[in-house]
All heavy atoms as atom14 arrays in JSON, in Angstrom:
{
  "sequence": "LLESSQSLSLFSDKQLIELHISNGKPGKGSDTLTQVLAAPSPD",
  "atom14_mask": [
    [1, 1, 1, 1, 1, 1, 1, 1, 0, 0, 0, 0, 0, 0],
    [1, 1, 1, 1, 1, 1, 1, 1, 0, 0, 0, 0, 0, 0],
    [1, 1, 1, 1, 1, 1, 1, 1, 1, 0, 0, 0, 0, 0],
    [1, 1, 1, 1, 1, 1, 0, 0, 0, 0, 0, 0, 0, 0],
    [1, 1, 1, 1, 1, 1, 0, 0, 0, 0, 0, 0, 0, 0],
    [1, 1, 1, 1, 1, 1, 1, 1, 1, 0, 0, 0, 0, 0],
    [1, 1, 1, 1, 1, 1, 0, 0, 0, 0, 0, 0, 0, 0],
    [1, 1, 1, 1, 1, 1, 1, 1, 0, 0, 0, 0, 0, 0],
    [1, 1, 1, 1, 1, 1, 0, 0, 0, 0, 0, 0, 0, 0],
    [1, 1, 1, 1, 1, 1, 1, 1, 0, 0, 0, 0, 0, 0],
    [1, 1, 1, 1, 1, 1, 1, 1, 1, 1, 1, 0, 0, 0],
    [1, 1, 1, 1, 1, 1, 0, 0, 0, 0, 0, 0, 0, 0],
    [1, 1, 1, 1, 1, 1, 1, 1, 0, 0, 0, 0, 0, 0],
    [1, 1, 1, 1, 1, 1, 1, 1, 1, 0, 0, 0, 0, 0],
    [1, 1, 1, 1, 1, 1, 1, 1, 1, 0, 0, 0, 0, 0],
    [1, 1, 1, 1, 1, 1, 1, 1, 0, 0, 0, 0, 0, 0],
    [1, 1, 1, 1, 1, 1, 1, 1, 0, 0, 0, 0, 0, 0],
    [1, 1, 1, 1, 1, 1, 1, 1, 1, 0, 0, 0, 0, 0],
    [1, 1, 1, 1, 1, 1, 1, 1, 0, 0, 0, 0, 0, 0],
    [1, 1, 1, 1, 1, 1, 1, 1, 1, 1, 0, 0, 0, 0],
    [1, 1, 1, 1, 1, 1, 1, 1, 0, 0, 0, 0, 0, 0],
    [1, 1, 1, 1, 1, 1, 0, 0, 0, 0, 0, 0, 0, 0],
    [1, 1, 1, 1, 1, 1, 1, 1, 0, 0, 0, 0, 0, 0],
    [1, 1, 1, 1, 0, 0, 0, 0, 0, 0, 0, 0, 0, 0],
    [1, 1, 1, 1, 1, 1, 1, 1, 1, 0, 0, 0, 0, 0],
    [1, 1, 1, 1, 1, 1, 1, 0, 0, 0, 0, 0, 0, 0],
    [1, 1, 1, 1, 0, 0, 0, 0, 0, 0, 0, 0, 0, 0],
    [1, 1, 1, 1, 1, 1, 1, 1, 1, 0, 0, 0, 0, 0],
    [1, 1, 1, 1, 0, 0, 0, 0, 0, 0, 0, 0, 0, 0],
    [1, 1, 1, 1, 1, 1, 0, 0, 0, 0, 0, 0, 0, 0],
    [1, 1, 1, 1, 1, 1, 1, 1, 0, 0, 0, 0, 0, 0],
    [1, 1, 1, 1, 1, 1, 1, 0, 0, 0, 0, 0, 0, 0],
    [1, 1, 1, 1, 1, 1, 1, 1, 0, 0, 0, 0, 0, 0],
    [1, 1, 1, 1, 1, 1, 1, 0, 0, 0, 0, 0, 0, 0],
    [1, 1, 1, 1, 1, 1, 1, 1, 1, 0, 0, 0, 0, 0],
    [1, 1, 1, 1, 1, 1, 1, 0, 0, 0, 0, 0, 0, 0],
    [1, 1, 1, 1, 1, 1, 1, 1, 0, 0, 0, 0, 0, 0],
    [1, 1, 1, 1, 1, 0, 0, 0, 0, 0, 0, 0, 0, 0],
    [1, 1, 1, 1, 1, 0, 0, 0, 0, 0, 0, 0, 0, 0],
    [1, 1, 1, 1, 1, 1, 1, 0, 0, 0, 0, 0, 0, 0],
    [1, 1, 1, 1, 1, 1, 0, 0, 0, 0, 0, 0, 0, 0],
    [1, 1, 1, 1, 1, 1, 1, 0, 0, 0, 0, 0, 0, 0],
    [1, 1, 1, 1, 1, 1, 1, 1, 0, 0, 0, 0, 0, 0]
  ],
  "atom14_positions": [
    [[0.43, 1.15, -20.88], [1.26, 0.19, -21.62], [2.06, -0.67, -20.65], [2.16, -1.89, -20.83], [2.21, 0.95, -22.55], [3.24, 0.08, -23.29], [2.55, -0.86, -24.26], [4.25, 0.96, -24.03], [0.0, 0.0, 0.0], [0.0, 0.0, 0.0], [0.0, 0.0, 0.0], [0.0, 0.0, 0.0], [0.0, 0.0, 0.0], [0.0, 0.0, 0.0]],
    [[2.6, -0.05, -19.61], [3.37, -0.8, -18.63], [2.5, -1.82, -17.91], [2.89, -2.99, -17.74], [3.99, 0.17, -17.62], [4.89, -0.44, -16.55], [6.08, -1.15, -17.17], [5.36, 0.64, -15.58], [0.0, 0.0, 0.0], [0.0, 0.0, 0.0], [0.0, 0.0, 0.0], [0.0, 0.0, 0.0], [0.0, 0.0, 0.0], [0.0, 0.0, 0.0]],
    [[1.3, -1.42, -17.53], [0.38, -2.33, -16.84], [0.0, -3.5, -17.74], [-0.06, -4.65, -17.3], [-0.87, -1.57, -16.41], [-0.63, -0.56, -15.3], [-1.85, 0.31, -15.03], [-2.88, 0.1, -15.72], [-1.78, 1.2, -14.17], [0.0, 0.0, 0.0], [0.0, 0.0, 0.0], [0.0, 0.0, 0.0], [0.0, 0.0, 0.0], [0.0, 0.0, 0.0]],
    [[-0.26, -3.2, -19.01], [-0.64, -4.27, -19.94], [0.5, -5.27, -20.13], [0.27, -6.48, -20.2], [-1.03, -3.66, -21.29], [-1.38, -4.67, -22.21], [0.0, 0.0, 0.0], [0.0, 0.0, 0.0], [0.0, 0.0, 0.0], [0.0, 0.0, 0.0], [0.0, 0.0, 0.0], [0.0, 0.0, 0.0], [0.0, 0.0, 0.0], [0.0, 0.0, 0.0]],
    [[1.73, -4.76, -20.18], [2.87, -5.64, -20.4], [3.18, -6.5, -19.18], [3.83, -7.54, -19.29], [4.11, -4.82, -20.77], [4.53, -4.03, -19.67], [0.0, 0.0, 0.0], [0.0, 0.0, 0.0], [0.0, 0.0, 0.0], [0.0, 0.0, 0.0], [0.0, 0.0, 0.0], [0.0, 0.0, 0.0], [0.0, 0.0, 0.0], [0.0, 0.0, 0.0]],
    [[2.69, -6.09, -18.02], [2.98, -6.81, -16.78], [1.81, -7.66, -16.29], [1.98, -8.49, -15.4], [3.38, -5.83, -15.68], [4.69, -5.1, -15.96], [5.03, -4.09, -14.89], [4.16, -3.65, -14.14], [6.3, -3.68, -14.82], [0.0, 0.0, 0.0], [0.0, 0.0, 0.0], [0.0, 0.0, 0.0], [0.0, 0.0, 0.0], [0.0, 0.0, 0.0]],
    [[0.63, -7.43, -16.86], [-0.55, -8.14, -16.38], [-0.73, -9.46, -17.11], [-0.33, -9.62, -18.26], [-1.81, -7.28, -16.56], [-2.03, -7.04, -17.94], [0.0, 0.0, 0.0], [0.0, 0.0, 0.0], [0.0, 0.0, 0.0], [0.0, 0.0, 0.0], [0.0, 0.0, 0.0], [0.0, 0.0, 0.0], [0.0, 0.0, 0.0], [0.0, 0.0, 0.0]],
    [[-1.35, -10.4, -16.45], [-1.68, -11.68, -17.06], [-2.99, -11.56, -17.8], [-3.92, -10.9, -17.35], [-1.78, -12.77, -15.98], [-0.49, -13.09, -15.22], [-0.79, -14.11, -14.12], [0.58, -13.61, -16.17], [0.0, 0.0, 0.0], [0.0, 0.0, 0.0], [0.0, 0.0, 0.0], [0.0, 0.0, 0.0], [0.0, 0.0, 0.0], [0.0, 0.0, 0.0]],
    [[-3.08, -12.21, -18.96], [-4.3, -12.16, -19.74], [-5.43, -12.91, -19.05], [-5.21, -13.95, -18.44], [-4.05, -12.77, -21.13], [-5.26, -12.94, -21.82], [0.0, 0.0, 0.0], [0.0, 0.0, 0.0], [0.0, 0.0, 0.0], [0.0, 0.0, 0.0], [0.0, 0.0, 0.0], [0.0, 0.0, 0.0], [0.0, 0.0, 0.0], [0.0, 0.0, 0.0]],
    [[-6.63, -12.36, -19.15], [-7.79, -13.0, -18.55], [-8.36, -14.11, -19.43], [-9.06, -14.99, -18.96], [-8.88, -11.95, -18.28], [-8.51, -10.84, -17.3], [-9.65, -9.83, -17.22], [-8.21, -11.41, -15.93], [0.0, 0.0, 0.0], [0.0, 0.0, 0.0], [0.0, 0.0, 0.0], [0.0, 0.0, 0.0], [0.0, 0.0, 0.0], [0.0, 0.0, 0.0]],
    [[-8.08, -14.04, -20.74], [-8.74, -14.95, -21.66], [-7.77, -15.87, -22.39], [-8.19, -16.81, -23.06], [-9.52, -14.15, -22.7], [-10.5, -13.18, -22.07], [-10.22, -11.82, -22.04], [-11.68, -13.64, -21.5], [-11.12, -10.93, -21.46], [-12.57, -12.76, -20.92], [-12.29, -11.41, -20.89], [0.0, 0.0, 0.0], [0.0, 0.0, 0.0], [0.0, 0.0, 0.0]],
    [[-6.49, -15.62, -22.32], [-5.54, -16.48, -23.01], [-4.2, -16.44, -22.29], [-3.99, -15.63, -21.4], [-5.36, -16.01, -24.46], [-4.76, -14.74, -24.48], [0.0, 0.0, 0.0], [0.0, 0.0, 0.0], [0.0, 0.0, 0.0], [0.0, 0.0, 0.0], [0.0, 0.0, 0.0], [0.0, 0.0, 0.0], [0.0, 0.0, 0.0], [0.0, 0.0, 0.0]],
    [[-3.31, -17.31, -22.7], [-1.99, -17.36, -22.09], [-1.06, -16.29, -22.64], [-0.1, -15.89, -21.99], [-1.36, -18.73, -22.31], [-2.12, -19.82, -21.56], [-2.71, -19.5, -20.52], [-2.12, -20.95, -22.04], [0.0, 0.0, 0.0], [0.0, 0.0, 0.0], [0.0, 0.0, 0.0], [0.0, 0.0, 0.0], [0.0, 0.0, 0.0], [0.0, 0.0, 0.0]],
    [[-1.33, -15.83, -23.86], [-0.45, -14.88, -24.52], [-1.23, -13.72, -25.12], [-2.36, -13.9, -25.56], [0.36, -15.59, -25.62], [1.24, -16.73, -25.11], [2.0, -17.36, -26.26], [2.9, -18.48, -25.78], [3.65, -19.09, -26.91], [0.0, 0.0, 0.0], [0.0, 0.0, 0.0], [0.0, 0.0, 0.0], [0.0, 0.0, 0.0], [0.0, 0.0, 0.0]],
    [[-0.6, -12.54, -25.15], [-1.27, -11.4, -25.75], [-0.33, -10.62, -26.66], [0.88, -10.52, -26.42], [-1.84, -10.47, -24.67], [-0.81, -9.76, -23.81], [-1.45, -8.74, -22.88], [-2.56, -8.29, -23.12], [-0.76, -8.37, -21.82], [0.0, 0.0, 0.0], [0.0, 0.0, 0.0], [0.0, 0.0, 0.0], [0.0, 0.0, 0.0], [0.0, 0.0, 0.0]],
    [[-0.91, -10.07, -27.71], [-0.21, -9.24, -28.66], [-0.5, -7.77, -28.32], [-1.66, -7.39, -28.16], [-0.68, -9.54, -30.08], [-0.25, -8.58, -31.2], [1.26, -8.61, -31.36], [-0.94, -8.95, -32.51], [0.0, 0.0, 0.0], [0.0, 0.0, 0.0], [0.0, 0.0, 0.0], [0.0, 0.0, 0.0], [0.0, 0.0, 0.0], [0.0, 0.0, 0.0]],
    [[0.55, -6.99, -28.18], [0.4, -5.57, -27.87], [0.96, -4.77, -29.05], [2.11, -4.98, -29.46], [1.17, -5.19, -26.58], [0.67, -6.02, -25.4], [1.02, -3.69, -26.29], [1.49, -5.83, -24.13], [0.0, 0.0, 0.0], [0.0, 0.0, 0.0], [0.0, 0.0, 0.0], [0.0, 0.0, 0.0], [0.0, 0.0, 0.0], [0.0, 0.0, 0.0]],
    [[0.14, -3.87, -29.6], [0.57, -3.02, -30.71], [0.62, -1.57, -30.25], [-0.34, -1.07, -29.66], [-0.37, -3.17, -31.91], [-0.37, -4.57, -32.49], [-1.16, -4.67, -33.77], [-1.12, -3.73, -34.58], [-1.87, -5.68, -33.95], [0.0, 0.0, 0.0], [0.0, 0.0, 0.0], [0.0, 0.0, 0.0], [0.0, 0.0, 0.0], [0.0, 0.0, 0.0]],
    [[1.72, -0.92, -30.54], [1.93, 0.46, -30.12], [2.24, 1.31, -31.35], [3.22, 1.06, -32.05], [3.08, 0.56, -29.11], [3.51, 1.97, -28.68], [2.37, 2.66, -27.93], [4.77, 1.91, -27.83], [0.0, 0.0, 0.0], [0.0, 0.0, 0.0], [0.0, 0.0, 0.0], [0.0, 0.0, 0.0], [0.0, 0.0, 0.0], [0.0, 0.0, 0.0]],
    [[1.39, 2.32, -31.6], [1.58, 3.23, -32.72], [2.13, 4.57, -32.19], [1.47, 5.23, -31.39], [0.27, 3.47, -33.46], [-0.3, 2.24, -34.1], [-0.22, 2.01, -35.46], [-0.94, 1.18, -33.57], [-0.79, 0.85, -35.74], [-1.25, 0.32, -34.61], [0.0, 0.0, 0.0], [0.0, 0.0, 0.0], [0.0, 0.0, 0.0], [0.0, 0.0, 0.0]],
    [[3.33, 4.93, -32.62], [3.93, 6.21, -32.24], [3.98, 7.06, -33.51], [4.92, 6.97, -34.31], [5.34, 6.03, -31.65], [5.31, 5.0, -30.52], [5.88, 7.36, -31.13], [6.68, 4.69, -29.93], [0.0, 0.0, 0.0], [0.0, 0.0, 0.0], [0.0, 0.0, 0.0], [0.0, 0.0, 0.0], [0.0, 0.0, 0.0], [0.0, 0.0, 0.0]],
    [[2.95, 7.88, -33.73], [2.76, 8.54, -35.02], [3.87, 9.52, -35.37], [4.16, 9.72, -36.55], [1.41, 9.27, -35.03], [1.35, 10.23, -34.01], [0.0, 0.0, 0.0], [0.0, 0.0, 0.0], [0.0, 0.0, 0.0], [0.0, 0.0, 0.0], [0.0, 0.0, 0.0], [0.0, 0.0, 0.0], [0.0, 0.0, 0.0], [0.0, 0.0, 0.0]],
    [[4.51, 10.13, -34.36], [5.58, 11.08, -34.66], [6.98, 10.49, -34.44], [7.98, 11.18, -34.63], [5.43, 12.35, -33.81], [5.5, 12.07, -32.32], [5.71, 10.94, -31.89], [5.33, 13.11, -31.52], [0.0, 0.0, 0.0], [0.0, 0.0, 0.0], [0.0, 0.0, 0.0], [0.0, 0.0, 0.0], [0.0, 0.0, 0.0], [0.0, 0.0, 0.0]],
    [[7.04, 9.22, -34.03], [8.32, 8.58, -33.83], [9.08, 9.05, -32.61], [10.27, 8.73, -32.45], [0.0, 0.0, 0.0], [0.0, 0.0, 0.0], [0.0, 0.0, 0.0], [0.0, 0.0, 0.0], [0.0, 0.0, 0.0], [0.0, 0.0, 0.0], [0.0, 0.0, 0.0], [0.0, 0.0, 0.0], [0.0, 0.0, 0.0], [0.0, 0.0, 0.0]],
    [[8.41, 9.8, -31.72], [9.07, 10.35, -30.54], [8.28, 10.0, -29.29], [7.29, 10.67, -28.97], [9.2, 11.86, -30.68], [10.03, 12.31, -31.89], [10.04, 13.82, -32.03], [10.84, 14.26, -33.24], [10.84, 15.74, -33.41], [0.0, 0.0, 0.0], [0.0, 0.0, 0.0], [0.0, 0.0, 0.0], [0.0, 0.0, 0.0], [0.0, 0.0, 0.0]],
    [[8.67, 8.96, -28.58], [7.92, 8.56, -27.37], [8.01, 9.57, -26.24], [7.19, 9.54, -25.33], [8.56, 7.23, -26.98], [9.9, 7.25, -27.62], [9.77, 8.04, -28.88], [0.0, 0.0, 0.0], [0.0, 0.0, 0.0], [0.0, 0.0, 0.0], [0.0, 0.0, 0.0], [0.0, 0.0, 0.0], [0.0, 0.0, 0.0], [0.0, 0.0, 0.0]],
    [[9.0, 10.47, -26.28], [9.1, 11.49, -25.24], [9.23, 10.89, -23.86], [10.15, 10.11, -23.58], [0.0, 0.0, 0.0], [0.0, 0.0, 0.0], [0.0, 0.0, 0.0], [0.0, 0.0, 0.0], [0.0, 0.0, 0.0], [0.0, 0.0, 0.0], [0.0, 0.0, 0.0], [0.0, 0.0, 0.0], [0.0, 0.0, 0.0], [0.0, 0.0, 0.0]],
    [[8.26, 11.24, -22.98], [8.29, 10.73, -21.61], [8.13, 9.22, -21.56], [8.44, 8.59, -20.55], [7.21, 11.4, -20.78], [7.38, 12.91, -20.61], [6.26, 13.49, -19.78], [6.42, 14.99, -19.6], [5.31, 15.6, -18.82], [0.0, 0.0, 0.0], [0.0, 0.0, 0.0], [0.0, 0.0, 0.0], [0.0, 0.0, 0.0], [0.0, 0.0, 0.0]],
    [[7.65, 8.64, -22.63], [7.46, 7.19, -22.65], [8.74, 6.41, -22.92], [8.73, 5.18, -22.88], [0.0, 0.0, 0.0], [0.0, 0.0, 0.0], [0.0, 0.0, 0.0], [0.0, 0.0, 0.0], [0.0, 0.0, 0.0], [0.0, 0.0, 0.0], [0.0, 0.0, 0.0], [0.0, 0.0, 0.0], [0.0, 0.0, 0.0], [0.0, 0.0, 0.0]],
    [[9.83, 7.12, -23.19], [11.09, 6.42, -23.47], [11.49, 5.51, -22.31], [11.9, 4.36, -22.51], [12.19, 7.44, -23.74], [11.88, 8.25, -24.85], [0.0, 0.0, 0.0], [0.0, 0.0, 0.0], [0.0, 0.0, 0.0], [0.0, 0.0, 0.0], [0.0, 0.0, 0.0], [0.0, 0.0, 0.0], [0.0, 0.0, 0.0], [0.0, 0.0, 0.0]],
    [[11.37, 6.04, -21.09], [11.75, 5.24, -19.91], [10.84, 4.03, -19.76], [11.29, 2.94, -19.37], [11.68, 6.1, -18.65], [12.78, 7.16, -18.62], [13.77, 7.0, -19.35], [12.62, 8.16, -17.89], [0.0, 0.0, 0.0], [0.0, 0.0, 0.0], [0.0, 0.0, 0.0], [0.0, 0.0, 0.0], [0.0, 0.0, 0.0], [0.0, 0.0, 0.0]],
    [[9.55, 4.22, -20.08], [8.6, 3.11, -19.98], [8.96, 2.0, -20.97], [8.97, 0.82, -20.62], [7.17, 3.59, -20.23], [6.84, 4.62, -19.31], [6.17, 2.45, -20.1], [0.0, 0.0, 0.0], [0.0, 0.0, 0.0], [0.0, 0.0, 0.0], [0.0, 0.0, 0.0], [0.0, 0.0, 0.0], [0.0, 0.0, 0.0], [0.0, 0.0, 0.0]],
    [[9.24, 2.39, -22.21], [9.62, 1.41, -23.21], [10.89, 0.66, -22.79], [10.97, -0.57, -22.91], [9.85, 2.09, -24.56], [8.61, 2.4, -25.4], [9.0, 3.18, -26.65], [7.89, 1.12, -25.79], [0.0, 0.0, 0.0], [0.0, 0.0, 0.0], [0.0, 0.0, 0.0], [0.0, 0.0, 0.0], [0.0, 0.0, 0.0], [0.0, 0.0, 0.0]],
    [[11.86, 1.39, -22.3], [13.1, 0.77, -21.85], [12.84, -0.21, -20.72], [13.41, -1.31, -20.67], [14.1, 1.84, -21.39], [14.3, 2.78, -22.45], [15.43, 1.21, -21.03], [0.0, 0.0, 0.0], [0.0, 0.0, 0.0], [0.0, 0.0, 0.0], [0.0, 0.0, 0.0], [0.0, 0.0, 0.0], [0.0, 0.0, 0.0], [0.0, 0.0, 0.0]],
    [[11.94, 0.17, -19.81], [11.6, -0.71, -18.68], [10.88, -1.97, -19.16], [11.17, -3.07, -18.69], [10.72, 0.05, -17.69], [10.34, -0.76, -16.45], [9.5, 0.06, -15.48], [9.33, 1.27, -15.63], [8.95, -0.61, -14.49], [0.0, 0.0, 0.0], [0.0, 0.0, 0.0], [0.0, 0.0, 0.0], [0.0, 0.0, 0.0], [0.0, 0.0, 0.0]],
    [[9.94, -1.8, -20.08], [9.19, -2.94, -20.61], [10.13, -3.93, -21.3], [9.98, -5.16, -21.18], [8.11, -2.46, -21.59], [7.51, -3.64, -22.35], [7.01, -1.72, -20.84], [0.0, 0.0, 0.0], [0.0, 0.0, 0.0], [0.0, 0.0, 0.0], [0.0, 0.0, 0.0], [0.0, 0.0, 0.0], [0.0, 0.0, 0.0], [0.0, 0.0, 0.0]],
    [[11.13, -3.4, -22.02], [12.0, -4.24, -22.82], [13.2, -4.77, -22.04], [13.93, -5.63, -22.53], [12.49, -3.46, -24.04], [11.38, -3.04, -25.02], [11.92, -2.08, -26.06], [10.79, -4.28, -25.68], [0.0, 0.0, 0.0], [0.0, 0.0, 0.0], [0.0, 0.0, 0.0], [0.0, 0.0, 0.0], [0.0, 0.0, 0.0], [0.0, 0.0, 0.0]],
    [[13.4, -4.27, -20.82], [14.53, -4.74, -20.02], [14.37, -6.22, -19.67], [15.36, -6.97, -19.66], [14.65, -3.9, -18.75], [0.0, 0.0, 0.0], [0.0, 0.0, 0.0], [0.0, 0.0, 0.0], [0.0, 0.0, 0.0], [0.0, 0.0, 0.0], [0.0, 0.0, 0.0], [0.0, 0.0, 0.0], [0.0, 0.0, 0.0], [0.0, 0.0, 0.0]],
    [[13.14, -6.62, -19.39], [12.86, -8.02, -19.06], [11.52, -8.39, -19.68], [10.51, -8.53, -18.99], [12.83, -8.23, -17.55], [0.0, 0.0, 0.0], [0.0, 0.0, 0.0], [0.0, 0.0, 0.0], [0.0, 0.0, 0.0], [0.0, 0.0, 0.0], [0.0, 0.0, 0.0], [0.0, 0.0, 0.0], [0.0, 0.0, 0.0], [0.0, 0.0, 0.0]],
    [[11.46, -8.54, -21.0], [10.19, -8.81, -21.68], [9.59, -10.15, -21.28], [10.3, -11.14, -21.12], [10.57, -8.8, -23.16], [12.03, -9.1, -23.19], [12.59, -8.5, -21.94], [0.0, 0.0, 0.0], [0.0, 0.0, 0.0], [0.0, 0.0, 0.0], [0.0, 0.0, 0.0], [0.0, 0.0, 0.0], [0.0, 0.0, 0.0], [0.0, 0.0, 0.0]],
    [[8.28, -10.15, -21.12], [7.58, -11.37, -20.75], [7.44, -12.29, -21.97], [7.1, -11.82, -23.06], [6.19, -11.04, -20.2], [5.4, -12.21, -20.1], [0.0, 0.0, 0.0], [0.0, 0.0, 0.0], [0.0, 0.0, 0.0], [0.0, 0.0, 0.0], [0.0, 0.0, 0.0], [0.0, 0.0, 0.0], [0.0, 0.0, 0.0], [0.0, 0.0, 0.0]],
    [[7.67, -13.58, -21.83], [7.5, -14.51, -22.96], [6.05, -14.66, -23.37], [5.76, -15.21, -24.43], [8.07, -15.82, -22.41], [7.94, -15.7, -20.92], [8.15, -14.26, -20.61], [0.0, 0.0, 0.0], [0.0, 0.0, 0.0], [0.0, 0.0, 0.0], [0.0, 0.0, 0.0], [0.0, 0.0, 0.0], [0.0, 0.0, 0.0], [0.0, 0.0, 0.0]],
    [[5.13, -14.17, -22.51], [3.71, -14.26, -22.83], [3.2, -13.03, -23.58], [2.02, -12.94, -23.89], [2.89, -14.43, -21.55], [3.19, -15.75, -20.86], [3.51, -16.72, -21.58], [3.11, -15.82, -19.63], [0.0, 0.0, 0.0], [0.0, 0.0, 0.0], [0.0, 0.0, 0.0], [0.0, 0.0, 0.0], [0.0, 0.0, 0.0], [0.0, 0.0, 0.0]]
  ]
}
């Protein structure tokens, strides 16, 4: 998820990322989500 949020798209200028957290508990991913959202890319 972190790599996808930081990488440039090969086929378009913008990309939509969908994340399904079925139990509502990201666990170890909490830090990753916080990092991704600290400086979200406009693309």
